[in-house]
PDB file of all heavy atoms in Angstrom:
ATOM      1  N   VAL A   1       8.177   6.183 -24.776  1.00  0.00           N
ATOM      2  CA  VAL A   1       8.047   4.653 -24.545  1.00  0.00           C
ATOM      3  C   VAL A   1       8.241   4.346 -23.103  1.00  0.00           C
ATOM      4  O   VAL A   1       7.661   3.563 -22.487  1.00  0.00           O
ATOM      5  CB  VAL A   1       9.017   3.952 -25.538  1.00  0.00           C
ATOM      6  CG1 VAL A   1       8.736   2.480 -25.381  1.00  0.00           C
ATOM      7  CG2 VAL A   1       8.888   4.400 -26.963  1.00  0.00           C
ATOM      8  N   PHE A   2       9.242   5.027 -22.523  1.00  0.00           N
ATOM      9  CA  PHE A   2       9.612   4.812 -21.063  1.00  0.00           C
ATOM     10  C   PHE A   2       8.400   5.193 -20.231  1.00  0.00           C
ATOM     11  O   PHE A   2       8.090   4.428 -19.341  1.00  0.00           O
ATOM     12  CB  PHE A   2      10.782   5.675 -20.660  1.00  0.00           C
ATOM     13  CG  PHE A   2      11.081   5.615 -19.228  1.00  0.00           C
ATOM     14  CD1 PHE A   2      11.833   4.639 -18.689  1.00  0.00           C
ATOM     15  CD2 PHE A   2      10.556   6.621 -18.366  1.00  0.00           C
ATOM     16  CE1 PHE A   2      12.023   4.544 -17.310  1.00  0.00           C
ATOM     17  CE2 PHE A   2      10.732   6.607 -17.025  1.00  0.00           C
ATOM     18  CZ  PHE A   2      11.569   5.557 -16.436  1.00  0.00           C
ATOM     19  N   SER A   3       7.781   6.235 -20.590  1.00  0.00           N
ATOM     20  CA  SER A   3       6.571   6.689 -19.766  1.00  0.00           C
ATOM     21  C   SER A   3       5.422   5.663 -19.834  1.00  0.00           C
ATOM     22  O   SER A   3       4.764   5.363 -18.890  1.00  0.00           O
ATOM     23  CB  SER A   3       6.133   8.128 -20.191  1.00  0.00           C
ATOM     24  OG  SER A   3       5.636   8.025 -21.554  1.00  0.00           O
ATOM     25  N   HIS A   4       5.197   5.228 -21.142  1.00  0.00           N
ATOM     26  CA  HIS A   4       4.177   4.098 -21.268  1.00  0.00           C
ATOM     27  C   HIS A   4       4.595   2.830 -20.437  1.00  0.00           C
ATOM     28  O   HIS A   4       3.784   2.237 -19.709  1.00  0.00           O
ATOM     29  CB  HIS A   4       4.011   3.746 -22.750  1.00  0.00           C
ATOM     30  CG  HIS A   4       3.213   2.540 -22.949  1.00  0.00           C
ATOM     31  ND1 HIS A   4       1.859   2.446 -22.692  1.00  0.00           N
ATOM     32  CD2 HIS A   4       3.618   1.272 -23.330  1.00  0.00           C
ATOM     33  CE1 HIS A   4       1.407   1.204 -22.875  1.00  0.00           C
ATOM     34  NE2 HIS A   4       2.491   0.462 -23.314  1.00  0.00           N
ATOM     35  N   GLN A   5       5.856   2.435 -20.616  1.00  0.00           N
ATOM     36  CA  GLN A   5       6.306   1.121 -19.919  1.00  0.00           C
ATOM     37  C   GLN A   5       6.143   1.427 -18.404  1.00  0.00           C
ATOM     38  O   GLN A   5       5.622   0.517 -17.674  1.00  0.00           O
ATOM     39  CB  GLN A   5       7.796   0.930 -20.287  1.00  0.00           C
ATOM     40  CG  GLN A   5       8.319  -0.306 -19.552  1.00  0.00           C
ATOM     41  CD  GLN A   5       8.015  -1.608 -20.207  1.00  0.00           C
ATOM     42  OE1 GLN A   5       7.392  -1.645 -21.227  1.00  0.00           O
ATOM     43  NE2 GLN A   5       8.454  -2.718 -19.565  1.00  0.00           N
ATOM     44  N   PHE A   6       6.686   2.457 -17.915  1.00  0.00           N
ATOM     45  CA  PHE A   6       6.707   2.645 -16.449  1.00  0.00           C
ATOM     46  C   PHE A   6       5.357   2.841 -15.906  1.00  0.00           C
ATOM     47  O   PHE A   6       4.898   2.210 -14.802  1.00  0.00           O
ATOM     48  CB  PHE A   6       7.586   3.867 -16.103  1.00  0.00           C
ATOM     49  CG  PHE A   6       7.442   4.239 -14.625  1.00  0.00           C
ATOM     50  CD1 PHE A   6       7.912   3.443 -13.567  1.00  0.00           C
ATOM     51  CD2 PHE A   6       6.941   5.518 -14.267  1.00  0.00           C
ATOM     52  CE1 PHE A   6       7.863   3.774 -12.275  1.00  0.00           C
ATOM     53  CE2 PHE A   6       6.813   5.805 -12.927  1.00  0.00           C
ATOM     54  CZ  PHE A   6       7.158   4.992 -11.937  1.00  0.00           C
ATOM     55  N   SER A   7       4.463   3.605 -16.595  1.00  0.00           N
ATOM     56  CA  SER A   7       3.140   3.839 -16.060  1.00  0.00           C
ATOM     57  C   SER A   7       2.323   2.547 -16.063  1.00  0.00           C
ATOM     58  O   SER A   7       1.586   2.268 -15.159  1.00  0.00           O
ATOM     59  CB  SER A   7       2.439   4.878 -16.922  1.00  0.00           C
ATOM     60  OG  SER A   7       3.026   6.099 -16.883  1.00  0.00           O
ATOM     61  N   SER A   8       2.603   1.672 -17.107  1.00  0.00           N
ATOM     62  CA  SER A   8       1.823   0.571 -17.332  1.00  0.00           C
ATOM     63  C   SER A   8       2.239  -0.627 -16.283  1.00  0.00           C
ATOM     64  O   SER A   8       1.383  -1.275 -15.683  1.00  0.00           O
ATOM     65  CB  SER A   8       1.957  -0.119 -18.693  1.00  0.00           C
ATOM     66  OG  SER A   8       1.451   0.811 -19.694  1.00  0.00           O
ATOM     67  N   ILE A   9       3.509  -0.816 -16.058  1.00  0.00           N
ATOM     68  CA  ILE A   9       4.011  -1.793 -15.159  1.00  0.00           C
ATOM     69  C   ILE A   9       3.886  -1.507 -13.654  1.00  0.00           C
ATOM     70  O   ILE A   9       3.805  -2.318 -12.853  1.00  0.00           O
ATOM     71  CB  ILE A   9       5.412  -2.210 -15.473  1.00  0.00           C
ATOM     72  CG1 ILE A   9       6.427  -1.094 -15.109  1.00  0.00           C
ATOM     73  CG2 ILE A   9       5.582  -2.574 -16.956  1.00  0.00           C
ATOM     74  CD1 ILE A   9       7.908  -1.500 -15.229  1.00  0.00           C
ATOM     75  N   ALA A  10       3.980  -0.085 -13.329  1.00  0.00           N
ATOM     76  CA  ALA A  10       3.939   0.252 -11.918  1.00  0.00           C
ATOM     77  C   ALA A  10       2.675  -0.184 -11.299  1.00  0.00           C
ATOM     78  O   ALA A  10       2.625  -0.899 -10.311  1.00  0.00           O
ATOM     79  CB  ALA A  10       4.237   1.775 -11.864  1.00  0.00           C
ATOM     80  N   GLY A  11       1.529   0.328 -11.830  1.00  0.00           N
ATOM     81  CA  GLY A  11       0.199  -0.099 -11.235  1.00  0.00           C
ATOM     82  C   GLY A  11       0.081   0.049  -9.759  1.00  0.00           C
ATOM     83  O   GLY A  11       0.752   0.850  -9.158  1.00  0.00           O
ATOM     84  N   ALA A  12      -0.643  -0.766  -9.132  1.00  0.00           N
ATOM     85  CA  ALA A  12      -0.879  -0.738  -7.699  1.00  0.00           C
ATOM     86  C   ALA A  12       0.107  -1.617  -7.010  1.00  0.00           C
ATOM     87  O   ALA A  12       0.327  -1.445  -5.766  1.00  0.00           O
ATOM     88  CB  ALA A  12      -2.296  -1.207  -7.338  1.00  0.00           C
ATOM     89  N   GLY A  13       0.886  -2.417  -7.736  1.00  0.00           N
ATOM     90  CA  GLY A  13       1.728  -3.467  -7.165  1.00  0.00           C
ATOM     91  C   GLY A  13       2.780  -2.928  -6.146  1.00  0.00           C
ATOM     92  O   GLY A  13       3.042  -3.365  -5.101  1.00  0.00           O
ATOM     93  N   PRO A  14       3.660  -1.973  -6.695  1.00  0.00           N
ATOM     94  CA  PRO A  14       4.822  -1.518  -5.880  1.00  0.00           C
ATOM     95  C   PRO A  14       4.351  -0.756  -4.664  1.00  0.00           C
ATOM     96  O   PRO A  14       5.169  -0.571  -3.725  1.00  0.00           O
ATOM     97  CB  PRO A  14       5.548  -0.597  -6.790  1.00  0.00           C
ATOM     98  CG  PRO A  14       4.586  -0.185  -7.929  1.00  0.00           C
ATOM     99  CD  PRO A  14       3.718  -1.319  -8.036  1.00  0.00           C
ATOM    100  N   VAL A  15       3.156  -0.309  -4.540  1.00  0.00           N
ATOM    101  CA  VAL A  15       2.568   0.309  -3.384  1.00  0.00           C
ATOM    102  C   VAL A  15       1.919  -0.784  -2.463  1.00  0.00           C
ATOM    103  O   VAL A  15       2.166  -0.849  -1.226  1.00  0.00           O
ATOM    104  CB  VAL A  15       1.603   1.403  -3.706  1.00  0.00           C
ATOM    105  CG1 VAL A  15       0.814   1.949  -2.411  1.00  0.00           C
ATOM    106  CG2 VAL A  15       2.312   2.662  -4.388  1.00  0.00           C
ATOM    107  N   THR A  16       1.013  -1.664  -3.005  1.00  0.00           N
ATOM    108  CA  THR A  16       0.321  -2.615  -2.321  1.00  0.00           C
ATOM    109  C   THR A  16       1.188  -3.745  -1.815  1.00  0.00           C
ATOM    110  O   THR A  16       1.107  -3.996  -0.594  1.00  0.00           O
ATOM    111  CB  THR A  16      -0.832  -3.253  -3.269  1.00  0.00           C
ATOM    112  OG1 THR A  16      -1.640  -2.145  -3.701  1.00  0.00           O
ATOM    113  CG2 THR A  16      -1.667  -4.251  -2.480  1.00  0.00           C
ATOM    114  N   GLY A  17       2.024  -4.310  -2.634  1.00  0.00           N
ATOM    115  CA  GLY A  17       2.829  -5.463  -2.201  1.00  0.00           C
ATOM    116  C   GLY A  17       3.760  -5.193  -1.013  1.00  0.00           C
ATOM    117  O   GLY A  17       3.600  -5.917  -0.063  1.00  0.00           O
ATOM    118  N   PRO A  18       4.660  -4.233  -1.058  1.00  0.00           N
ATOM    119  CA  PRO A  18       5.510  -4.019   0.092  1.00  0.00           C
ATOM    120  C   PRO A  18       4.768  -3.661   1.410  1.00  0.00           C
ATOM    121  O   PRO A  18       5.193  -4.126   2.533  1.00  0.00           O
ATOM    122  CB  PRO A  18       6.385  -2.778  -0.339  1.00  0.00           C
ATOM    123  CG  PRO A  18       6.401  -2.799  -1.814  1.00  0.00           C
ATOM    124  CD  PRO A  18       4.987  -3.314  -2.203  1.00  0.00           C
ATOM    125  N   ILE A  19       3.580  -2.976   1.263  1.00  0.00           N
ATOM    126  CA  ILE A  19       2.827  -2.595   2.470  1.00  0.00           C
ATOM    127  C   ILE A  19       2.182  -3.877   3.027  1.00  0.00           C
ATOM    128  O   ILE A  19       2.247  -4.032   4.278  1.00  0.00           O
ATOM    129  CB  ILE A  19       1.859  -1.498   2.182  1.00  0.00           C
ATOM    130  CG1 ILE A  19       2.566  -0.225   1.904  1.00  0.00           C
ATOM    131  CG2 ILE A  19       0.794  -1.358   3.358  1.00  0.00           C
ATOM    132  CD1 ILE A  19       1.628   0.920   1.530  1.00  0.00           C
ATOM    133  N   LEU A  20       1.670  -4.715   2.276  1.00  0.00           N
ATOM    134  CA  LEU A  20       1.034  -5.931   2.762  1.00  0.00           C
ATOM    135  C   LEU A  20       2.098  -6.938   3.273  1.00  0.00           C
ATOM    136  O   LEU A  20       1.883  -7.575   4.295  1.00  0.00           O
ATOM    137  CB  LEU A  20       0.225  -6.686   1.575  1.00  0.00           C
ATOM    138  CG  LEU A  20      -0.941  -5.977   1.120  1.00  0.00           C
ATOM    139  CD1 LEU A  20      -1.585  -6.791  -0.073  1.00  0.00           C
ATOM    140  CD2 LEU A  20      -2.014  -5.833   2.213  1.00  0.00           C
ATOM    141  N   ALA A  21       3.266  -6.939   2.654  1.00  0.00           N
ATOM    142  CA  ALA A  21       4.354  -7.900   3.122  1.00  0.00           C
ATOM    143  C   ALA A  21       5.085  -7.350   4.282  1.00  0.00           C
ATOM    144  O   ALA A  21       5.924  -8.079   4.856  1.00  0.00           O
ATOM    145  CB  ALA A  21       5.311  -8.214   1.894  1.00  0.00           C
ATOM    146  N   SER A  22       4.852  -6.125   4.606  1.00  0.00           N
ATOM    147  CA  SER A  22       5.627  -5.529   5.815  1.00  0.00           C
ATOM    148  C   SER A  22       5.334  -6.247   7.094  1.00  0.00           C
ATOM    149  O   SER A  22       6.092  -5.992   8.091  1.00  0.00           O
ATOM    150  CB  SER A  22       5.295  -4.029   5.885  1.00  0.00           C
ATOM    151  OG  SER A  22       3.995  -3.885   6.279  1.00  0.00           O
ATOM    152  N   VAL A  23       4.304  -7.119   7.111  1.00  0.00           N
ATOM    153  CA  VAL A  23       4.092  -7.856   8.333  1.00  0.00           C
ATOM    154  C   VAL A  23       5.230  -8.784   8.674  1.00  0.00           C
ATOM    155  O   VAL A  23       5.452  -9.263   9.775  1.00  0.00           O
ATOM    156  CB  VAL A  23       2.768  -8.673   8.300  1.00  0.00           C
ATOM    157  CG1 VAL A  23       1.592  -7.727   8.134  1.00  0.00           C
ATOM    158  CG2 VAL A  23       2.744  -9.597   7.000  1.00  0.00           C
ATOM    159  N   PHE A  24       6.013  -9.138   7.757  1.00  0.00           N
ATOM    160  CA  PHE A  24       7.203 -10.001   7.933  1.00  0.00           C
ATOM    161  C   PHE A  24       8.413  -9.191   8.421  1.00  0.00           C
ATOM    162  O   PHE A  24       9.407  -9.827   8.843  1.00  0.00           O
ATOM    163  CB  PHE A  24       7.602 -10.734   6.662  1.00  0.00           C
ATOM    164  CG  PHE A  24       6.594 -11.848   6.273  1.00  0.00           C
ATOM    165  CD1 PHE A  24       5.689 -11.676   5.253  1.00  0.00           C
ATOM    166  CD2 PHE A  24       6.593 -13.023   6.975  1.00  0.00           C
ATOM    167  CE1 PHE A  24       4.748 -12.635   4.980  1.00  0.00           C
ATOM    168  CE2 PHE A  24       5.709 -14.024   6.557  1.00  0.00           C
ATOM    169  CZ  PHE A  24       4.746 -13.770   5.639  1.00  0.00           C
ATOM    170  N   GLY A  25       8.294  -7.897   8.359  1.00  0.00           N
ATOM    171  CA  GLY A  25       9.422  -7.021   8.788  1.00  0.00           C
ATOM    172  C   GLY A  25      10.127  -6.351   7.549  1.00  0.00           C
ATOM    173  O   GLY A  25       9.946  -6.820   6.479  1.00  0.00           O
ATOM    174  N   TRP A  26      10.729  -5.187   7.807  1.00  0.00           N
ATOM    175  CA  TRP A  26      11.214  -4.358   6.689  1.00  0.00           C
ATOM    176  C   TRP A  26      12.451  -4.913   6.042  1.00  0.00           C
ATOM    177  O   TRP A  26      12.745  -4.701   4.895  1.00  0.00           O
ATOM    178  CB  TRP A  26      11.534  -2.964   7.205  1.00  0.00           C
ATOM    179  CG  TRP A  26      12.589  -2.697   8.193  1.00  0.00           C
ATOM    180  CD1 TRP A  26      12.488  -2.622   9.547  1.00  0.00           C
ATOM    181  CD2 TRP A  26      13.941  -2.470   7.871  1.00  0.00           C
ATOM    182  NE1 TRP A  26      13.766  -2.495  10.051  1.00  0.00           N
ATOM    183  CE2 TRP A  26      14.617  -2.328   9.071  1.00  0.00           C
ATOM    184  CE3 TRP A  26      14.751  -2.414   6.612  1.00  0.00           C
ATOM    185  CZ2 TRP A  26      16.086  -2.111   9.111  1.00  0.00           C
ATOM    186  CZ3 TRP A  26      16.132  -2.225   6.760  1.00  0.00           C
ATOM    187  CH2 TRP A  26      16.690  -2.022   7.946  1.00  0.00           C
ATOM    188  N   VAL A  27      13.273  -5.690   6.811  1.00  0.00           N
ATOM    189  CA  VAL A  27      14.516  -6.214   6.177  1.00  0.00           C
ATOM    190  C   VAL A  27      14.222  -7.191   5.059  1.00  0.00           C
ATOM    191  O   VAL A  27      14.854  -7.057   4.000  1.00  0.00           O
ATOM    192  CB  VAL A  27      15.407  -6.942   7.272  1.00  0.00           C
ATOM    193  CG1 VAL A  27      16.588  -7.603   6.559  1.00  0.00           C
ATOM    194  CG2 VAL A  27      15.971  -5.802   8.152  1.00  0.00           C
ATOM    195  N   PRO A  28      13.437  -8.287   5.196  1.00  0.00           N
ATOM    196  CA  PRO A  28      13.218  -9.186   4.035  1.00  0.00           C
ATOM    197  C   PRO A  28      12.524  -8.472   2.911  1.00  0.00           C
ATOM    198  O   PRO A  28      12.789  -8.744   1.727  1.00  0.00           O
ATOM    199  CB  PRO A  28      12.271 -10.305   4.659  1.00  0.00           C
ATOM    200  CG  PRO A  28      11.768  -9.672   5.940  1.00  0.00           C
ATOM    201  CD  PRO A  28      12.761  -8.768   6.466  1.00  0.00           C
ATOM    202  N   VAL A  29      11.606  -7.441   3.209  1.00  0.00           N
ATOM    203  CA  VAL A  29      11.013  -6.709   2.115  1.00  0.00           C
ATOM    204  C   VAL A  29      11.947  -5.918   1.365  1.00  0.00           C
ATOM    205  O   VAL A  29      11.999  -5.976   0.019  1.00  0.00           O
ATOM    206  CB  VAL A  29       9.959  -5.838   2.672  1.00  0.00           C
ATOM    207  CG1 VAL A  29       9.403  -4.856   1.617  1.00  0.00           C
ATOM    208  CG2 VAL A  29       8.803  -6.508   3.296  1.00  0.00           C
ATOM    209  N   LEU A  30      12.884  -5.208   2.037  1.00  0.00           N
ATOM    210  CA  LEU A  30      13.934  -4.387   1.373  1.00  0.00           C
ATOM    211  C   LEU A  30      14.869  -5.365   0.464  1.00  0.00           C
ATOM    212  O   LEU A  30      15.162  -5.055  -0.736  1.00  0.00           O
ATOM    213  CB  LEU A  30      14.777  -3.661   2.323  1.00  0.00           C
ATOM    214  CG  LEU A  30      15.901  -2.812   1.817  1.00  0.00           C
ATOM    215  CD1 LEU A  30      15.410  -1.660   0.833  1.00  0.00           C
ATOM    216  CD2 LEU A  30      16.805  -2.152   2.839  1.00  0.00           C
ATOM    217  N   LEU A  31      15.312  -6.514   1.075  1.00  0.00           N
ATOM    218  CA  LEU A  31      16.235  -7.330   0.334  1.00  0.00           C
ATOM    219  C   LEU A  31      15.516  -7.875  -0.935  1.00  0.00           C
ATOM    220  O   LEU A  31      16.124  -7.990  -1.997  1.00  0.00           O
ATOM    221  CB  LEU A  31      16.587  -8.583   1.251  1.00  0.00           C
ATOM    222  CG  LEU A  31      17.620  -8.182   2.399  1.00  0.00           C
ATOM    223  CD1 LEU A  31      17.830  -9.365   3.255  1.00  0.00           C
ATOM    224  CD2 LEU A  31      18.866  -7.605   1.837  1.00  0.00           C
ATOM    225  N   TRP A  32      14.280  -8.259  -0.880  1.00  0.00           N
ATOM    226  CA  TRP A  32      13.597  -8.791  -2.062  1.00  0.00           C
ATOM    227  C   TRP A  32      13.392  -7.707  -3.069  1.00  0.00           C
ATOM    228  O   TRP A  32      13.535  -7.977  -4.292  1.00  0.00           O
ATOM    229  CB  TRP A  32      12.271  -9.487  -1.663  1.00  0.00           C
ATOM    230  CG  TRP A  32      11.504 -10.060  -2.790  1.00  0.00           C
ATOM    231  CD1 TRP A  32      10.217  -9.858  -3.144  1.00  0.00           C
ATOM    232  CD2 TRP A  32      12.016 -10.935  -3.830  1.00  0.00           C
ATOM    233  NE1 TRP A  32       9.795 -10.506  -4.151  1.00  0.00           N
ATOM    234  CE2 TRP A  32      10.966 -11.200  -4.720  1.00  0.00           C
ATOM    235  CE3 TRP A  32      13.220 -11.450  -4.112  1.00  0.00           C
ATOM    236  CZ2 TRP A  32      11.047 -12.054  -5.876  1.00  0.00           C
ATOM    237  CZ3 TRP A  32      13.404 -12.244  -5.288  1.00  0.00           C
ATOM    238  CH2 TRP A  32      12.281 -12.533  -6.118  1.00  0.00           C
ATOM    239  N   LEU A  33      13.061  -6.547  -2.693  1.00  0.00           N
ATOM    240  CA  LEU A  33      12.904  -5.408  -3.719  1.00  0.00           C
ATOM    241  C   LEU A  33      14.179  -5.203  -4.401  1.00  0.00           C
ATOM    242  O   LEU A  33      14.135  -4.857  -5.607  1.00  0.00           O
ATOM    243  CB  LEU A  33      12.467  -4.137  -2.942  1.00  0.00           C
ATOM    244  CG  LEU A  33      10.964  -4.136  -2.450  1.00  0.00           C
ATOM    245  CD1 LEU A  33      10.765  -2.960  -1.552  1.00  0.00           C
ATOM    246  CD2 LEU A  33      10.053  -4.086  -3.686  1.00  0.00           C
TER     247      LEU A  33
END
């Protein structure tokens, strides 16, 4: 069940989002994560 949950929710988001948002700097990105 963990593998289904993790695989399904991870998606492209945790890779795409922080990289796109890195234009604001790494500190705000890290804090929000």
